[in-house]
């Protein structure tokens, strides 16, 4: 039985659920998961601890780097090599371009094991990286025996850096939790789900509200600092739209599902997102979507003018116009809601995990 080790940063629910599914579906492999850190500042995720019993957590120093759009976290793990030696995998699948990925790549080359690189990043989400970061990408991508891309845009980035053997495994969530949501649409209800960091573009959404020419109510669901909340409230007050906005705070489980159930339109106005899993949640809940052109996952979730619109969030008039069109045109909105159903199956764990399986089989064929 071949041993497979997957290395990623933290035990986020969407990763945990998929990896747990793979551990039980691919019985021909012994799959180990290494997380380089136990938690990350600012995340309020509830992870099922029973699904990480076969996982390994490294002690890591996590450095928080303040940036204009959002904070960046650098994980400096301890015992990466020692943990790999103990597991002794035949194949290592390492995510992104951090120290753990570089160490695992060199470990594979030294031990003559197979190395697969996986990435969520895109040319848009990584457009501001420095020379050292670009060098890390070139080194890891060009020394990988195969690559796994979590979106169409991530695959474009891999090809840009010279990758040849690319397999796709779309980012996903446990879609059945959202697929079973019953629609209870509230007239004029606009929904945003996510943090209130500048990168996510809540201010761009608020700026678009005056351009909506019909009745509406915006629910903002997500955590933010006191400063971020005060800033958005002040912006809304200045624009005269504060009374139309409800700041709901962080929600999960049934409370979050209720928000999707009651939404007429879902909006992600992000300035930068390598995927945007909330788009998938909205798709599965059959809520028509208005997505930013800078949400790279939008190009796998949204088919423009079929189940939503992809727009430039920096144009308040265009963003507000797209939202208003959906709110005011009942037939269009209802048709888009029905269209969502046809795009959900590609995000099932069965379909998404196939990218991993095919990549593993590829690097292992003919004794490679």
Protein backbone atom coordinates (compact mmCIF):
# COMPACT_ATOMS: atom_id res chain seq x y z
CA UNK A 1 0.00 0.00 0.00
CA UNK A 2 1.44 3.35 -1.03
CA UNK A 3 1.73 6.05 1.62
CA UNK A 4 0.57 9.54 0.64
CA UNK A 5 1.23 12.66 2.71
CA UNK A 6 -0.59 15.93 2.11
CA UNK A 7 0.93 19.07 3.66
CA UNK A 8 -1.14 22.22 4.11
CA UNK A 9 -1.25 25.14 6.51
CA UNK A 10 -4.23 24.93 8.90
CA UNK A 11 -7.17 22.61 9.49
CA UNK A 12 -9.80 24.72 7.75
CA UNK A 13 -13.18 22.91 7.55
CA UNK A 14 -13.25 22.68 3.75
CA UNK A 15 -9.81 21.02 3.71
CA UNK A 16 -10.59 18.74 6.65
CA UNK A 17 -13.84 17.50 5.11
CA UNK A 18 -12.26 16.74 1.72
CA UNK A 19 -9.18 15.02 3.14
CA UNK A 20 -11.33 12.95 5.50
CA UNK A 21 -13.43 11.86 2.51
CA UNK A 22 -10.28 10.92 0.56
CA UNK A 23 -8.86 8.90 3.45
CA UNK A 24 -11.99 6.75 3.43
CA UNK A 25 -12.62 6.66 -0.32
CA UNK A 26 -9.11 5.80 -1.51
CA UNK A 27 -8.53 2.65 0.52
CA UNK A 28 -5.67 1.69 -1.79
CA UNK A 29 -3.61 4.46 -0.19
CA UNK A 30 -2.59 5.24 3.36
CA UNK A 31 -3.17 8.99 3.49
CA UNK A 32 -1.58 11.17 6.15
CA UNK A 33 -2.31 14.88 6.57
CA UNK A 34 0.26 17.31 7.98
CA UNK A 35 -0.95 20.72 9.14
CA UNK A 36 1.81 23.24 9.69
CA UNK A 37 -0.14 25.10 12.35
CA UNK A 38 -3.11 24.48 14.64
CA UNK A 39 -4.90 27.77 14.15
CA UNK A 40 -4.81 31.19 12.53
CA UNK A 41 -5.66 34.55 14.00
CA UNK A 42 -9.02 35.94 12.95
CA UNK A 43 -10.59 32.61 11.94
CA UNK A 44 -13.75 31.45 13.68
CA UNK A 45 -14.04 28.01 12.16
CA UNK A 46 -15.68 25.07 13.90
CA UNK A 47 -13.82 21.91 12.86
CA UNK A 48 -15.09 18.38 13.53
CA UNK A 49 -12.22 17.04 15.66
CA UNK A 50 -13.08 13.41 14.84
CA UNK A 51 -12.05 14.05 11.23
CA UNK A 52 -8.47 14.98 12.10
CA UNK A 53 -7.58 11.93 14.20
CA UNK A 54 -5.21 10.67 11.49
CA UNK A 55 -3.50 14.03 11.11
CA UNK A 56 -0.20 15.47 12.28
CA UNK A 57 0.23 19.02 13.58
CA UNK A 58 3.63 20.69 13.46
CA UNK A 59 4.78 23.22 16.00
CA UNK A 60 5.14 26.43 14.04
CA UNK A 61 5.98 30.02 14.58
CA UNK A 62 3.37 32.09 12.77
CA UNK A 63 4.39 35.57 11.71
CA UNK A 64 1.59 38.03 10.99
CA UNK A 65 2.45 40.60 8.34
CA UNK A 66 0.23 43.65 8.10
CA UNK A 67 -0.75 44.48 4.54
CA UNK A 68 -3.04 47.02 2.93
CA UNK A 69 -5.74 44.64 1.71
CA UNK A 70 -5.52 41.90 4.33
CA UNK A 71 -3.05 40.43 6.81
CA UNK A 72 -0.63 37.77 5.57
CA UNK A 73 0.50 34.83 7.69
CA UNK A 74 3.89 33.15 7.31
CA UNK A 75 4.22 29.70 8.87
CA UNK A 76 7.69 28.63 9.99
CA UNK A 77 7.20 24.97 10.93
CA UNK A 78 9.40 22.86 13.16
CA UNK A 79 10.04 19.15 12.52
CA UNK A 80 8.86 19.02 8.90
CA UNK A 81 11.72 16.73 7.89
CA UNK A 82 11.50 14.60 11.04
CA UNK A 83 7.76 14.10 10.53
CA UNK A 84 8.27 13.08 6.90
CA UNK A 85 11.00 10.66 7.98
CA UNK A 86 8.63 9.12 10.51
CA UNK A 87 5.76 8.71 8.01
CA UNK A 88 8.10 7.82 5.11
CA UNK A 89 5.55 8.52 2.33
CA UNK A 90 5.91 7.42 -1.29
CA UNK A 91 4.26 10.62 -2.50
CA UNK A 92 4.15 14.07 -0.89
CA UNK A 93 1.52 16.61 -1.94
CA UNK A 94 2.46 20.06 -0.62
CA UNK A 95 0.40 23.21 -0.87
CA UNK A 96 1.63 26.63 -1.91
CA UNK A 97 5.18 28.01 -1.52
CA UNK A 98 5.98 28.19 2.17
CA UNK A 99 8.93 26.70 4.02
CA UNK A 100 7.12 23.39 4.57
CA UNK A 101 6.56 23.04 0.81
CA UNK A 102 10.20 23.80 0.02
CA UNK A 103 11.45 21.38 2.69
CA UNK A 104 9.14 18.62 1.50
CA UNK A 105 10.28 19.15 -2.10
CA UNK A 106 13.93 18.79 -1.09
CA UNK A 107 13.07 15.77 1.09
CA UNK A 108 11.46 14.06 -1.91
CA UNK A 109 14.43 14.75 -4.13
CA UNK A 110 16.85 13.42 -1.53
CA UNK A 111 14.78 10.30 -0.82
CA UNK A 112 13.82 9.77 -4.48
CA UNK A 113 10.11 10.08 -3.67
CA UNK A 114 7.38 11.67 -5.81
CA UNK A 115 6.46 15.30 -5.20
CA UNK A 116 3.15 16.91 -6.21
CA UNK A 117 2.55 20.63 -5.88
CA UNK A 118 -0.94 22.00 -5.24
CA UNK A 119 -2.00 25.64 -5.37
CA UNK A 120 -4.98 27.94 -4.91
CA UNK A 121 -3.07 31.04 -6.02
CA UNK A 122 -3.61 32.79 -9.34
CA UNK A 123 -1.83 35.45 -11.38
CA UNK A 124 -4.35 37.97 -10.05
CA UNK A 125 -4.12 37.01 -6.37
CA UNK A 126 -0.31 36.87 -6.60
CA UNK A 127 0.20 39.90 -8.81
CA UNK A 128 2.00 41.89 -6.09
CA UNK A 129 4.49 39.27 -4.92
CA UNK A 130 8.23 40.00 -4.77
CA UNK A 131 11.24 38.44 -6.49
CA UNK A 132 11.93 35.88 -3.76
CA UNK A 133 8.32 34.72 -3.82
CA UNK A 134 8.44 34.36 -7.60
CA UNK A 135 11.66 32.38 -7.27
CA UNK A 136 10.01 30.03 -4.77
CA UNK A 137 7.15 29.44 -7.21
CA UNK A 138 9.47 28.69 -10.12
CA UNK A 139 11.56 26.33 -7.99
CA UNK A 140 8.65 24.34 -6.62
CA UNK A 141 6.59 24.21 -9.82
CA UNK A 142 9.50 23.19 -12.05
CA UNK A 143 10.67 20.46 -9.67
CA UNK A 144 7.20 18.97 -9.15
CA UNK A 145 6.37 15.64 -10.77
CA UNK A 146 2.81 16.93 -11.20
CA UNK A 147 0.67 19.87 -10.08
CA UNK A 148 -2.88 20.22 -8.77
CA UNK A 149 -4.81 23.43 -9.46
CA UNK A 150 -7.83 24.39 -7.36
CA UNK A 151 -9.38 26.51 -10.12
CA UNK A 152 -9.14 27.30 -13.81
CA UNK A 153 -7.23 30.49 -12.97
CA UNK A 154 -4.80 28.56 -10.73
CA UNK A 155 -4.09 26.27 -13.69
CA UNK A 156 -3.30 29.31 -15.84
CA UNK A 157 -0.76 30.44 -13.25
CA UNK A 158 0.90 27.01 -13.19
CA UNK A 159 1.26 27.05 -16.97
CA UNK A 160 2.70 30.56 -16.80
CA UNK A 161 5.47 29.27 -14.51
CA UNK A 162 6.22 26.30 -16.75
CA UNK A 163 4.16 23.44 -15.30
CA UNK A 164 3.26 20.69 -17.75
CA UNK A 165 1.34 17.92 -16.00
CA UNK A 166 -1.55 19.75 -14.32
CA UNK A 167 -4.59 18.14 -12.71
CA UNK A 168 -7.62 20.06 -11.50
CA UNK A 169 -9.27 19.62 -8.13
CA UNK A 170 -11.67 22.48 -7.58
CA UNK A 171 -11.94 23.95 -4.12
CA UNK A 172 -15.13 22.80 -2.47
CA UNK A 173 -17.13 22.58 0.72
CA UNK A 174 -19.49 19.91 2.03
CA UNK A 175 -22.05 20.96 -0.55
CA UNK A 176 -24.85 18.78 0.80
CA UNK A 177 -25.14 21.14 3.78
CA UNK A 178 -26.08 23.93 1.39
CA UNK A 179 -27.78 21.92 -1.34
CA UNK A 180 -30.57 20.89 1.01
CA UNK A 181 -31.40 24.50 1.99
CA UNK A 182 -35.01 25.30 1.12
CA UNK A 183 -35.52 28.62 -0.63
CA UNK A 184 -37.43 31.14 1.48
CA UNK A 185 -36.51 34.25 -0.48
CA UNK A 186 -37.22 37.57 1.18
CA UNK A 187 -38.03 40.34 -1.34
CA UNK A 188 -35.08 42.66 -1.90
CA UNK A 189 -32.70 40.74 0.38
CA UNK A 190 -29.04 41.09 -0.62
CA UNK A 191 -26.51 38.86 1.15
CA UNK A 192 -22.78 39.26 1.68
CA UNK A 193 -20.83 36.58 3.60
CA UNK A 194 -17.18 37.00 4.55
CA UNK A 195 -14.78 39.04 6.61
CA UNK A 196 -14.78 42.82 6.58
CA UNK A 197 -11.13 43.13 5.63
CA UNK A 198 -10.45 45.70 2.91
CA UNK A 199 -9.57 42.94 0.45
CA UNK A 200 -13.14 41.64 0.52
CA UNK A 201 -14.58 44.90 -0.79
CA UNK A 202 -17.49 45.54 1.59
CA UNK A 203 -16.89 49.26 1.03
CA UNK A 204 -17.27 48.72 -2.73
CA UNK A 205 -20.61 47.02 -2.11
CA UNK A 206 -21.84 49.84 0.12
CA UNK A 207 -20.73 52.38 -2.51
CA UNK A 208 -22.89 50.57 -5.07
CA UNK A 209 -26.10 50.66 -3.01
CA UNK A 210 -27.24 54.17 -4.12
CA UNK A 211 -27.33 52.84 -7.70
CA UNK A 212 -29.96 50.22 -6.86
CA UNK A 213 -33.28 51.66 -8.11
CA UNK A 214 -35.61 49.30 -6.26
CA UNK A 215 -36.32 48.34 -2.66
CA UNK A 216 -33.58 46.33 -0.95
CA UNK A 217 -32.06 45.28 2.37
CA UNK A 218 -28.41 44.23 2.72
CA UNK A 219 -27.30 41.64 5.26
CA UNK A 220 -23.56 41.66 5.97
CA UNK A 221 -22.63 38.34 7.59
CA UNK A 222 -19.08 38.04 8.88
CA UNK A 223 -16.60 39.12 11.50
CA UNK A 224 -14.71 42.39 11.50
CA UNK A 225 -12.70 44.54 13.82
CA UNK A 226 -14.39 47.40 15.65
CA UNK A 227 -12.54 49.78 13.32
CA UNK A 228 -13.77 47.96 10.20
CA UNK A 229 -17.36 47.95 11.41
CA UNK A 230 -17.29 51.61 12.43
CA UNK A 231 -15.79 52.52 9.07
CA UNK A 232 -18.49 50.72 7.07
CA UNK A 233 -21.23 52.20 9.26
CA UNK A 234 -19.85 55.70 8.72
CA UNK A 235 -19.62 55.14 4.96
CA UNK A 236 -23.21 53.90 4.88
CA UNK A 237 -24.37 56.88 6.92
CA UNK A 238 -22.58 59.31 4.59
CA UNK A 239 -24.24 57.71 1.54
CA UNK A 240 -27.64 57.67 3.21
CA UNK A 241 -28.03 53.88 3.10
CA UNK A 242 -27.31 52.89 6.72
CA UNK A 243 -30.94 52.08 7.50
CA UNK A 244 -30.94 49.52 4.69
CA UNK A 245 -28.02 47.51 6.12
CA UNK A 246 -27.97 44.92 8.91
CA UNK A 247 -24.55 43.98 10.31
CA UNK A 248 -25.19 40.39 11.38
CA UNK A 249 -21.78 39.37 12.74
CA UNK A 250 -20.27 35.90 12.30
CA UNK A 251 -22.71 33.06 11.64
CA UNK A 252 -22.38 29.36 10.93
CA UNK A 253 -24.53 26.25 10.85
CA UNK A 254 -28.34 26.74 10.81
CA UNK A 255 -28.04 30.50 11.33
CA UNK A 256 -25.88 30.83 8.20
CA UNK A 257 -28.08 28.47 6.20
CA UNK A 258 -31.08 30.66 7.05
CA UNK A 259 -29.29 33.68 5.59
CA UNK A 260 -28.73 31.84 2.30
CA UNK A 261 -32.32 30.57 2.33
CA UNK A 262 -33.73 34.09 2.61
CA UNK A 263 -31.35 35.82 0.17
CA UNK A 264 -32.67 37.02 -3.17
CA UNK A 265 -29.18 37.87 -4.44
CA UNK A 266 -25.70 36.98 -3.22
CA UNK A 267 -22.82 39.44 -3.77
CA UNK A 268 -19.05 38.99 -3.48
CA UNK A 269 -17.41 42.36 -4.27
CA UNK A 270 -13.84 41.28 -3.47
CA UNK A 271 -10.76 43.15 -4.65
CA UNK A 272 -8.75 39.93 -4.63
CA UNK A 273 -9.65 36.29 -3.94
CA UNK A 274 -7.94 33.17 -5.21
CA UNK A 275 -11.31 31.42 -5.10
CA UNK A 276 -14.11 32.68 -2.83
CA UNK A 277 -15.81 29.59 -1.42
CA UNK A 278 -18.85 31.63 -0.41
CA UNK A 279 -19.69 31.72 -4.12
CA UNK A 280 -20.00 27.95 -4.05
CA UNK A 281 -22.15 28.07 -0.91
CA UNK A 282 -24.49 30.50 -2.67
CA UNK A 283 -24.53 28.34 -5.81
CA UNK A 284 -25.53 25.25 -3.81
CA UNK A 285 -28.23 27.25 -2.02
CA UNK A 286 -29.43 28.28 -5.52
CA UNK A 287 -29.03 32.01 -4.90
CA UNK A 288 -28.29 34.10 -8.03
CA UNK A 289 -24.81 35.59 -7.77
CA UNK A 290 -23.17 38.92 -8.52
CA UNK A 291 -19.43 38.23 -8.35
CA UNK A 292 -16.38 40.43 -8.63
CA UNK A 293 -14.20 39.84 -11.67
CA UNK A 294 -11.33 39.57 -9.17
CA UNK A 295 -12.83 36.52 -7.45
CA UNK A 296 -10.89 33.90 -9.39
CA UNK A 297 -13.24 31.09 -8.37
CA UNK A 298 -16.09 32.98 -10.06
CA UNK A 299 -14.93 31.62 -13.41
CA UNK A 300 -15.65 28.08 -12.20
CA UNK A 301 -18.83 28.85 -10.24
CA UNK A 302 -20.61 31.58 -12.21
CA UNK A 303 -21.60 31.39 -15.86
CA UNK A 304 -22.20 35.04 -16.73
CA UNK A 305 -25.84 35.82 -17.50
CA UNK A 306 -26.89 32.21 -16.75
CA UNK A 307 -26.67 31.82 -12.97
CA UNK A 308 -25.37 35.30 -12.18
CA UNK A 309 -23.17 38.17 -13.31
CA UNK A 310 -19.42 38.80 -13.14
CA UNK A 311 -18.74 42.53 -12.82
CA UNK A 312 -16.05 45.08 -12.07
CA UNK A 313 -16.59 45.95 -8.37
CA UNK A 314 -14.72 49.23 -8.75
CA UNK A 315 -17.58 50.51 -10.90
CA UNK A 316 -20.24 51.30 -8.31
CA UNK A 317 -22.77 51.97 -11.05
CA UNK A 318 -22.19 48.60 -12.77
CA UNK A 319 -22.16 46.66 -9.49
CA UNK A 320 -25.31 48.36 -8.23
CA UNK A 321 -26.93 47.99 -11.62
CA UNK A 322 -26.34 44.23 -11.73
CA UNK A 323 -27.76 43.78 -8.22
CA UNK A 324 -30.76 45.98 -9.02
CA UNK A 325 -31.46 44.11 -12.25
CA UNK A 326 -31.69 40.81 -10.40
CA UNK A 327 -33.82 42.24 -7.62
CA UNK A 328 -36.27 43.91 -9.98
CA UNK A 329 -36.58 41.21 -12.66
CA UNK A 330 -38.36 38.29 -11.00
CA UNK A 331 -38.26 36.01 -14.05
CA UNK A 332 -34.52 36.55 -14.56
CA UNK A 333 -33.77 35.91 -10.90
CA UNK A 334 -35.93 32.79 -10.76
CA UNK A 335 -34.38 31.41 -13.96
CA UNK A 336 -30.88 31.97 -12.60
CA UNK A 337 -31.82 30.24 -9.36
CA UNK A 338 -32.92 27.18 -11.35
CA UNK A 339 -29.74 27.29 -13.45
CA UNK A 340 -27.58 27.01 -10.33
CA UNK A 341 -28.59 23.39 -9.87
CA UNK A 342 -26.89 22.35 -13.10
CA UNK A 343 -23.43 23.46 -11.95
CA UNK A 344 -23.34 21.92 -8.47
CA UNK A 345 -22.29 18.32 -9.17
CA UNK A 346 -18.80 19.23 -10.35
CA UNK A 347 -18.08 20.29 -6.74
CA UNK A 348 -18.99 17.01 -5.03
CA UNK A 349 -16.23 15.37 -3.01
CA UNK A 350 -16.34 12.46 -5.47
CA UNK A 351 -15.58 14.68 -8.46
CA UNK A 352 -13.15 17.02 -6.70
CA UNK A 353 -11.07 14.17 -5.22
CA UNK A 354 -10.56 12.70 -8.70
CA UNK A 355 -7.93 15.36 -9.41
CA UNK A 356 -5.86 14.09 -6.48
CA UNK A 357 -6.34 10.46 -7.47
CA UNK A 358 -5.31 11.06 -11.09
CA UNK A 359 -2.24 13.07 -10.04
CA UNK A 360 -1.12 10.33 -7.64
CA UNK A 361 -1.63 7.60 -10.24
CA UNK A 362 0.27 9.67 -12.80
CA UNK A 363 3.39 10.12 -10.68
CA UNK A 364 3.33 6.49 -9.56
CA UNK A 365 2.87 4.87 -12.98
CA UNK A 366 5.62 2.65 -14.35
CA UNK A 367 7.49 2.89 -11.08
CA UNK A 368 7.98 6.62 -11.60
